Amino acid sequence: MHLRDLIDLVDLRPSELTDILRFAGEISQNPSYYRGSCQHKIMATLFYEPSTRTKMSFQAAMLRLGGKLIGFDDPGNTSVKKGESLKDTVRVTSNYADVLVIRSPWEGAALAASFYTRCPVINAGDGGHLHPTQTLTDLTTLNYTVGRLENLTVGLCGDNKNGRTVHSLVRTLSRYKNNRFVLISTPQLTLPQYLQDEITANGCIVEFSESLEDALPTLDVLYMTRIQKERFASPEEYERQKGVFVLDAAKLAIAKPGLRILHPLPRVDEITVDVDEDSRAAYFAQTEYGLYARMALIQRITEHSDRCVTKTLASTHDAQCLNPRCITQNEVYLPHLFYETAAGLVCRYCDHGV
């Protein structure tokens, strides 16, 4: 397998995704065997946005593989503060590294970065858009705690509108047979329409609920997410949405014995601490599975990562994305790239319709 970048899991062939998940399982059984497999490799972590688990998981994964680390977790301490463009930052950094991991508040930043680097790029989260390596974590966890990725009823509860972890998960899980998705949220935080359309186009079922209690008895997987304060336009709007859905031990009395509770973390108040000791709670184990998933990804993406030329960019389009969080709003030199759907043009960077 030869991966150039990981921007979105749906860009992988099914065989490539299966290989990474299988490999993650092998590593989890004997992690010391792979110590040194990335010796002499360097990872650059460019985190324009705060992170705990994703950053530490990537760093721990590279160190366990015997590699080295460079990068930053505060752009205020870099030339970004002086006005350096994303293009220049990643072009220079890719001269020093064998793989680049980027997290950004701008949607489509990882795709934009991949146009200008000489090494592979891994998307570690781009605004409220996608988070493919969290989905690798989620799929690895389901493989080893549920035992399958098909024929699942998956509840997604919380901020389905802005939750990049939710977006990546439904895009990927809807490619597996007979999965059913129950979207549990307020009407204001429902899943974007383009993702609902993608689920149904893949032959899976979408249902909606405004009650966690009503949905719980049917679920094989409950994916809880926090209401993301940083994605709201005002504190008042956030206050109206937070605390609507809370999972506690009492509610779990009506859930299946085999339910698995996942959460990308951090949690705020959406899962009470009395759930932590329930055998169905898998969110702390999830963080360990994430380490093995990222070790597998790094190994695969660097094993053929000889220096490569930058990509040939498609010609720019006359249309312009109007999403205020799209990377094209901040990095104005980027080509305007779109794909066509029945509903019209859609931005390649952030998947927003024009």
Protein backbone atom coordinates (compact mmCIF):
# COMPACT_ATOMS: atom_id res chain seq x y z
CA MET A 1 0.00 0.00 0.00
CA HIS A 2 1.26 3.46 -0.90
CA LEU A 3 -0.54 6.36 0.78
CA ARG A 4 0.37 9.89 -0.32
CA ASP A 5 -1.81 11.77 2.18
CA LEU A 6 -4.67 11.13 4.58
CA ILE A 7 -7.11 14.02 4.25
CA ASP A 8 -10.38 12.07 4.41
CA LEU A 9 -10.88 8.35 5.07
CA VAL A 10 -13.24 8.05 2.11
CA ASP A 11 -10.22 8.71 -0.12
CA LEU A 12 -8.85 5.30 0.89
CA ARG A 13 -9.76 2.16 -1.00
CA PRO A 14 -11.64 -0.33 1.22
CA SER A 15 -8.64 -2.66 1.06
CA GLU A 16 -6.34 0.12 2.33
CA LEU A 17 -8.64 0.89 5.27
CA THR A 18 -8.96 -2.81 6.10
CA ASP A 19 -5.18 -3.15 6.02
CA ILE A 20 -4.66 -0.27 8.47
CA LEU A 21 -7.28 -1.64 10.87
CA ARG A 22 -5.77 -5.12 10.69
CA PHE A 23 -2.29 -3.72 11.19
CA ALA A 24 -3.46 -1.69 14.22
CA GLY A 25 -4.68 -4.94 15.73
CA GLU A 26 -1.32 -6.60 15.13
CA ILE A 27 0.50 -3.71 16.78
CA SER A 28 -1.83 -3.78 19.79
CA GLN A 29 -0.92 -7.44 20.37
CA ASN A 30 2.84 -6.84 20.26
CA PRO A 31 3.73 -3.13 20.17
CA SER A 32 7.38 -3.69 21.14
CA TYR A 33 7.95 -5.66 17.92
CA TYR A 34 7.53 -2.44 15.92
CA ARG A 35 9.88 -0.37 18.05
CA GLY A 36 12.42 1.18 15.71
CA SER A 37 10.41 0.65 12.51
CA CYS A 38 10.40 4.42 11.91
CA GLN A 39 13.95 5.00 13.07
CA HIS A 40 15.51 7.96 11.25
CA LYS A 41 12.02 9.27 10.32
CA ILE A 42 10.84 12.71 11.47
CA MET A 43 7.25 13.80 12.06
CA ALA A 44 6.28 17.48 12.08
CA THR A 45 3.16 18.28 14.12
CA LEU A 46 1.67 21.65 13.15
CA PHE A 47 -1.15 22.36 15.59
CA TYR A 48 -2.84 25.70 14.92
CA GLU A 49 -5.59 24.73 17.37
CA PRO A 50 -5.50 23.29 20.93
CA SER A 51 -5.29 19.53 21.31
CA THR A 52 -4.50 17.04 24.05
CA ARG A 53 -5.26 13.47 22.95
CA THR A 54 -4.68 13.83 19.21
CA LYS A 55 -1.34 15.60 19.60
CA MET A 56 -0.06 13.33 22.36
CA SER A 57 -1.32 10.22 20.59
CA PHE A 58 0.52 11.13 17.39
CA GLN A 59 3.66 12.02 19.30
CA ALA A 60 3.58 8.85 21.39
CA ALA A 61 2.92 6.77 18.27
CA MET A 62 5.95 8.20 16.46
CA LEU A 63 8.19 7.85 19.49
CA ARG A 64 7.12 4.22 20.02
CA LEU A 65 8.02 3.56 16.38
CA GLY A 66 11.47 5.01 17.01
CA GLY A 67 10.98 8.28 15.11
CA LYS A 68 11.67 11.90 16.04
CA LEU A 69 9.42 14.94 16.45
CA ILE A 70 9.46 18.59 15.45
CA GLY A 71 6.67 21.15 15.20
CA PHE A 72 4.57 23.56 17.25
CA ASP A 73 1.34 23.68 19.24
CA ASP A 74 1.02 27.45 19.45
CA PRO A 75 1.18 29.36 16.16
CA GLY A 76 1.61 32.54 18.20
CA ASN A 77 5.20 31.46 18.83
CA THR A 78 5.96 30.94 15.13
CA SER A 79 6.28 32.98 11.96
CA VAL A 80 2.53 32.56 11.52
CA LYS A 81 2.23 35.47 13.95
CA LYS A 82 4.28 37.54 11.50
CA GLY A 83 1.84 36.78 8.72
CA GLU A 84 3.43 33.73 7.10
CA SER A 85 1.04 31.84 4.82
CA LEU A 86 0.08 28.20 5.26
CA LYS A 87 1.73 27.48 1.92
CA ASP A 88 5.11 28.83 3.04
CA THR A 89 4.94 27.20 6.48
CA VAL A 90 4.25 23.71 5.16
CA ARG A 91 6.58 24.03 2.17
CA VAL A 92 9.49 24.83 4.49
CA THR A 93 8.53 22.31 7.17
CA SER A 94 8.29 19.52 4.62
CA ASN A 95 12.00 20.03 3.90
CA TYR A 96 12.70 18.86 7.45
CA ALA A 97 10.15 16.06 7.93
CA ASP A 98 9.03 12.74 6.47
CA VAL A 99 5.37 13.25 7.39
CA LEU A 100 3.40 16.32 8.40
CA VAL A 101 0.43 16.23 10.80
CA ILE A 102 -1.74 19.34 10.78
CA ARG A 103 -4.66 20.55 12.89
CA SER A 104 -6.32 23.83 12.03
CA PRO A 105 -9.49 25.77 12.84
CA TRP A 106 -9.85 26.41 9.09
CA GLU A 107 -11.91 23.86 7.17
CA GLY A 108 -9.95 22.35 4.30
CA ALA A 109 -6.54 23.36 5.71
CA ALA A 110 -5.07 19.86 5.46
CA LEU A 111 -6.09 19.53 1.81
CA ALA A 112 -4.63 22.96 1.05
CA ALA A 113 -1.39 22.04 2.84
CA SER A 114 -1.06 18.84 0.82
CA PHE A 115 -0.75 20.87 -2.39
CA TYR A 116 2.52 22.43 -1.28
CA THR A 117 4.41 19.83 0.73
CA ARG A 118 7.16 17.45 -0.33
CA CYS A 119 6.05 14.83 2.20
CA PRO A 120 2.71 13.18 3.08
CA VAL A 121 0.11 15.14 5.06
CA ILE A 122 -2.18 13.71 7.73
CA ASN A 123 -5.33 15.63 8.65
CA ALA A 124 -5.57 15.85 12.45
CA GLY A 125 -8.76 17.92 12.33
CA ASP A 126 -9.80 20.87 10.18
CA GLY A 127 -12.32 23.13 11.89
CA GLY A 128 -15.79 21.59 12.08
CA HIS A 129 -15.17 19.59 8.91
CA LEU A 130 -13.29 16.27 9.27
CA HIS A 131 -11.12 14.28 11.67
CA PRO A 132 -10.11 11.07 9.86
CA THR A 133 -7.62 9.72 12.40
CA GLN A 134 -10.23 9.95 15.15
CA THR A 135 -12.40 7.79 12.92
CA LEU A 136 -9.52 5.32 12.57
CA THR A 137 -9.50 5.28 16.37
CA ASP A 138 -13.26 4.73 16.48
CA LEU A 139 -13.21 1.92 13.91
CA THR A 140 -10.32 0.17 15.66
CA THR A 141 -12.24 0.40 18.94
CA LEU A 142 -15.41 -1.04 17.38
CA ASN A 143 -13.42 -3.85 15.74
CA TYR A 144 -12.13 -4.99 19.12
CA THR A 145 -15.05 -4.21 21.42
CA VAL A 146 -18.05 -4.96 19.19
CA GLY A 147 -16.38 -7.26 16.67
CA ARG A 148 -17.92 -5.84 13.50
CA LEU A 149 -18.37 -2.66 11.44
CA GLU A 150 -21.56 -3.79 9.67
CA ASN A 151 -25.18 -4.27 10.83
CA LEU A 152 -24.84 -1.63 13.54
CA THR A 153 -27.33 0.85 14.92
CA VAL A 154 -25.23 3.89 15.79
CA GLY A 155 -26.54 6.81 17.82
CA LEU A 156 -24.71 10.11 17.36
CA CYS A 157 -25.60 12.47 20.16
CA GLY A 158 -24.67 16.12 20.70
CA ASP A 159 -23.18 18.55 18.20
CA ASN A 160 -23.75 16.78 14.91
CA LYS A 161 -23.56 20.04 12.96
CA ASN A 162 -20.03 21.11 13.95
CA GLY A 163 -18.62 17.78 15.12
CA ARG A 164 -15.81 16.87 12.73
CA THR A 165 -15.46 13.51 14.46
CA VAL A 166 -19.11 12.78 13.73
CA HIS A 167 -18.74 13.86 10.11
CA SER A 168 -15.77 11.59 9.47
CA LEU A 169 -17.40 8.67 11.28
CA VAL A 170 -20.69 8.72 9.37
CA ARG A 171 -18.93 9.17 6.02
CA THR A 172 -16.84 6.08 6.71
CA LEU A 173 -19.30 3.81 8.56
CA SER A 174 -21.96 4.41 5.90
CA ARG A 175 -19.69 2.55 3.47
CA TYR A 176 -20.29 -0.65 5.47
CA LYS A 177 -23.43 -2.72 4.91
CA ASN A 178 -26.71 -2.35 6.76
CA ASN A 179 -25.66 0.34 9.21
CA ARG A 180 -28.38 2.56 10.67
CA PHE A 181 -27.69 6.02 12.06
CA VAL A 182 -29.85 7.70 14.71
CA LEU A 183 -29.02 11.42 14.83
CA ILE A 184 -29.75 12.70 18.34
CA SER A 185 -29.53 16.48 18.55
CA THR A 186 -31.47 19.69 18.73
CA PRO A 187 -32.77 20.91 15.34
CA GLN A 188 -30.08 23.63 15.41
CA LEU A 189 -27.26 21.07 15.67
CA THR A 190 -28.41 18.45 13.20
CA LEU A 191 -26.04 16.78 10.74
CA PRO A 192 -25.36 18.81 7.57
CA GLN A 193 -27.58 17.86 4.66
CA TYR A 194 -24.73 16.79 2.39
CA LEU A 195 -23.75 14.13 4.95
CA GLN A 196 -27.33 12.94 5.34
CA ASP A 197 -27.47 12.59 1.55
CA GLU A 198 -24.19 10.68 1.53
CA ILE A 199 -25.45 8.19 4.12
CA THR A 200 -28.62 7.42 2.17
CA ALA A 201 -26.73 7.28 -1.13
CA ASN A 202 -24.58 4.54 0.43
CA GLY A 203 -27.71 2.54 1.21
CA CYS A 204 -27.83 3.17 4.96
CA ILE A 205 -30.75 4.43 7.03
CA VAL A 206 -30.91 7.82 8.75
CA GLU A 207 -33.31 8.55 11.60
CA PHE A 208 -33.68 11.58 13.86
CA SER A 209 -34.41 11.96 17.56
CA GLU A 210 -34.50 14.82 20.01
CA SER A 211 -34.55 12.40 22.96
CA LEU A 212 -31.57 10.34 24.12
CA GLU A 213 -33.85 8.18 26.26
CA ASP A 214 -36.08 7.28 23.30
CA ALA A 215 -33.12 6.26 21.15
CA LEU A 216 -31.03 4.35 23.72
CA PRO A 217 -32.80 0.96 23.77
CA THR A 218 -32.16 0.37 20.04
CA LEU A 219 -28.47 1.29 19.91
CA ASP A 220 -25.41 -0.92 19.48
CA VAL A 221 -23.10 2.10 19.63
CA LEU A 222 -23.63 5.48 21.27
CA TYR A 223 -21.24 8.17 20.08
CA MET A 224 -21.46 11.11 22.49
CA THR A 225 -19.93 14.49 21.66
CA ARG A 226 -19.64 17.73 23.56
CA ILE A 227 -21.37 20.93 22.50
CA GLN A 228 -18.39 22.79 21.08
CA LYS A 229 -18.25 26.30 22.52
CA GLU A 230 -15.50 27.34 20.10
CA ARG A 231 -17.74 26.66 17.06
CA PHE A 232 -20.52 29.06 18.10
CA ALA A 233 -20.87 32.62 16.90
CA SER A 234 -21.80 33.91 20.38
CA PRO A 235 -21.71 32.76 24.02
CA GLU A 236 -25.48 33.15 24.18
CA GLU A 237 -26.01 30.69 21.33
CA TYR A 238 -23.73 28.17 23.06
CA GLU A 239 -25.57 28.52 26.38
CA ARG A 240 -28.86 27.70 24.68
CA GLN A 241 -27.49 24.39 23.37
CA LYS A 242 -25.24 23.05 26.13
CA GLY A 243 -26.50 20.55 28.68
CA VAL A 244 -29.47 19.37 26.58
CA PHE A 245 -28.20 15.78 26.32
CA VAL A 246 -26.57 14.16 29.35
CA LEU A 247 -25.79 10.45 29.70
CA ASP A 248 -25.80 9.13 33.26
CA ALA A 249 -25.88 5.71 34.91
CA ALA A 250 -29.64 5.83 35.44
CA LYS A 251 -30.35 6.23 31.72
CA LEU A 252 -28.19 3.19 30.91
CA ALA A 253 -30.70 0.92 32.64
CA ILE A 254 -32.72 0.85 29.40
CA ALA A 255 -29.72 0.31 27.09
CA LYS A 256 -28.55 -2.98 25.60
CA PRO A 257 -26.03 -5.01 27.66
CA GLY A 258 -23.72 -5.01 24.64
CA LEU A 259 -23.91 -1.27 23.99
CA ARG A 260 -20.56 0.46 23.48
CA ILE A 261 -20.27 4.11 24.50
CA LEU A 262 -17.68 6.09 22.57
CA HIS A 263 -16.61 9.71 22.92
CA PRO A 264 -13.75 11.50 21.11
CA LEU A 265 -13.08 13.54 24.26
CA PRO A 266 -12.74 15.98 25.90
CA ARG A 267 -16.05 15.70 27.69
CA VAL A 268 -17.62 18.59 29.54
CA ASP A 269 -20.97 17.67 31.10
CA GLU A 270 -22.48 15.28 28.54
CA ILE A 271 -21.34 12.07 30.29
CA THR A 272 -21.43 11.96 34.09
CA VAL A 273 -18.56 10.31 35.95
CA ASP A 274 -20.80 7.51 37.26
CA VAL A 275 -20.81 6.07 33.72
CA ASP A 276 -17.02 5.62 33.73
CA GLU A 277 -17.08 2.31 35.60
CA ASP A 278 -19.85 0.80 33.46
CA SER A 279 -18.51 -2.06 31.34
CA ARG A 280 -20.17 -0.49 28.31
CA ALA A 281 -18.08 2.68 28.54
CA ALA A 282 -15.29 2.39 25.96
CA TYR A 283 -14.07 5.99 25.70
CA PHE A 284 -10.92 5.58 27.79
CA ALA A 285 -9.99 2.32 26.05
CA GLN A 286 -10.67 4.24 22.84
CA THR A 287 -7.66 6.47 23.52
CA GLU A 288 -5.37 3.44 23.69
CA TYR A 289 -6.78 2.01 20.48
CA GLY A 290 -6.10 5.41 18.95
CA LEU A 291 -2.41 5.02 19.69
CA TYR A 292 -2.25 1.71 17.81
CA ALA A 293 -4.32 3.09 14.93
CA ARG A 294 -1.95 6.03 14.52
CA MET A 295 1.10 3.80 14.79
CA ALA A 296 -0.31 1.71 11.95
CA LEU A 297 -1.07 4.78 9.85
CA ILE A 298 2.36 6.36 10.39
CA GLN A 299 4.10 3.11 9.51
CA ARG A 300 2.09 2.72 6.32
CA ILE A 301 2.30 6.34 5.21
CA THR A 302 6.06 6.65 5.76
CA GLU A 303 7.23 3.32 4.37
CA HIS A 304 7.22 4.72 0.82
CA SER A 305 7.49 8.42 1.63
CA ASP A 306 10.52 9.27 -0.44
CA ARG A 307 10.76 12.92 -1.40
CA CYS A 308 8.07 13.81 -3.87
CA VAL A 309 7.26 16.86 -5.92
CA THR A 310 4.32 19.10 -5.08
CA LYS A 311 0.99 18.26 -6.67
CA THR A 312 -0.15 19.67 -9.98
CA LEU A 313 -3.10 21.88 -9.10
CA ALA A 314 -6.29 21.97 -11.10
CA SER A 315 -7.19 25.25 -12.71
CA THR A 316 -9.09 27.64 -10.49
CA HIS A 317 -12.84 28.15 -10.82
CA ASP A 318 -14.65 31.46 -11.17
CA ALA A 319 -16.94 30.56 -8.26
CA GLN A 320 -15.94 31.32 -4.68
CA CYS A 321 -16.79 29.47 -1.48
CA LEU A 322 -18.85 31.59 0.90
CA ASN A 323 -18.29 29.46 3.99
CA PRO A 324 -16.60 31.88 6.44
CA ARG A 325 -14.64 29.00 7.99
CA CYS A 326 -13.22 27.71 4.70
CA ILE A 327 -9.44 27.89 4.32
CA THR A 328 -9.91 29.86 1.08
CA GLN A 329 -11.19 32.81 3.12
CA ASN A 330 -7.86 33.06 4.94
CA GLU A 331 -5.39 31.82 2.32
CA VAL A 332 -6.59 33.85 -0.65
CA TYR A 333 -3.96 32.53 -3.12
CA LEU A 334 -5.51 29.05 -3.09
CA PRO A 335 -7.17 27.87 -6.30
CA HIS A 336 -10.96 27.77 -6.13
CA LEU A 337 -11.68 24.04 -6.45
CA PHE A 338 -15.17 22.56 -6.65
CA TYR A 339 -16.92 19.32 -7.54
CA GLU A 340 -20.35 19.02 -9.08
CA THR A 341 -23.41 17.41 -7.49
CA ALA A 342 -27.07 17.32 -8.46
CA ALA A 343 -27.58 20.32 -6.19
CA GLY A 344 -24.75 22.32 -7.79
CA LEU A 345 -21.12 23.16 -7.08
CA VAL A 346 -19.54 22.08 -3.79
CA CYS A 347 -16.24 23.37 -2.40
CA ARG A 348 -13.53 20.70 -2.43
CA TYR A 349 -11.90 22.13 0.68
CA CYS A 350 -14.86 22.28 3.08
CA ASP A 351 -17.74 20.45 1.29
CA HIS A 352 -20.03 23.48 1.48
CA GLY A 353 -22.37 24.13 -1.43
CA VAL A 354 -22.11 27.32 -3.43
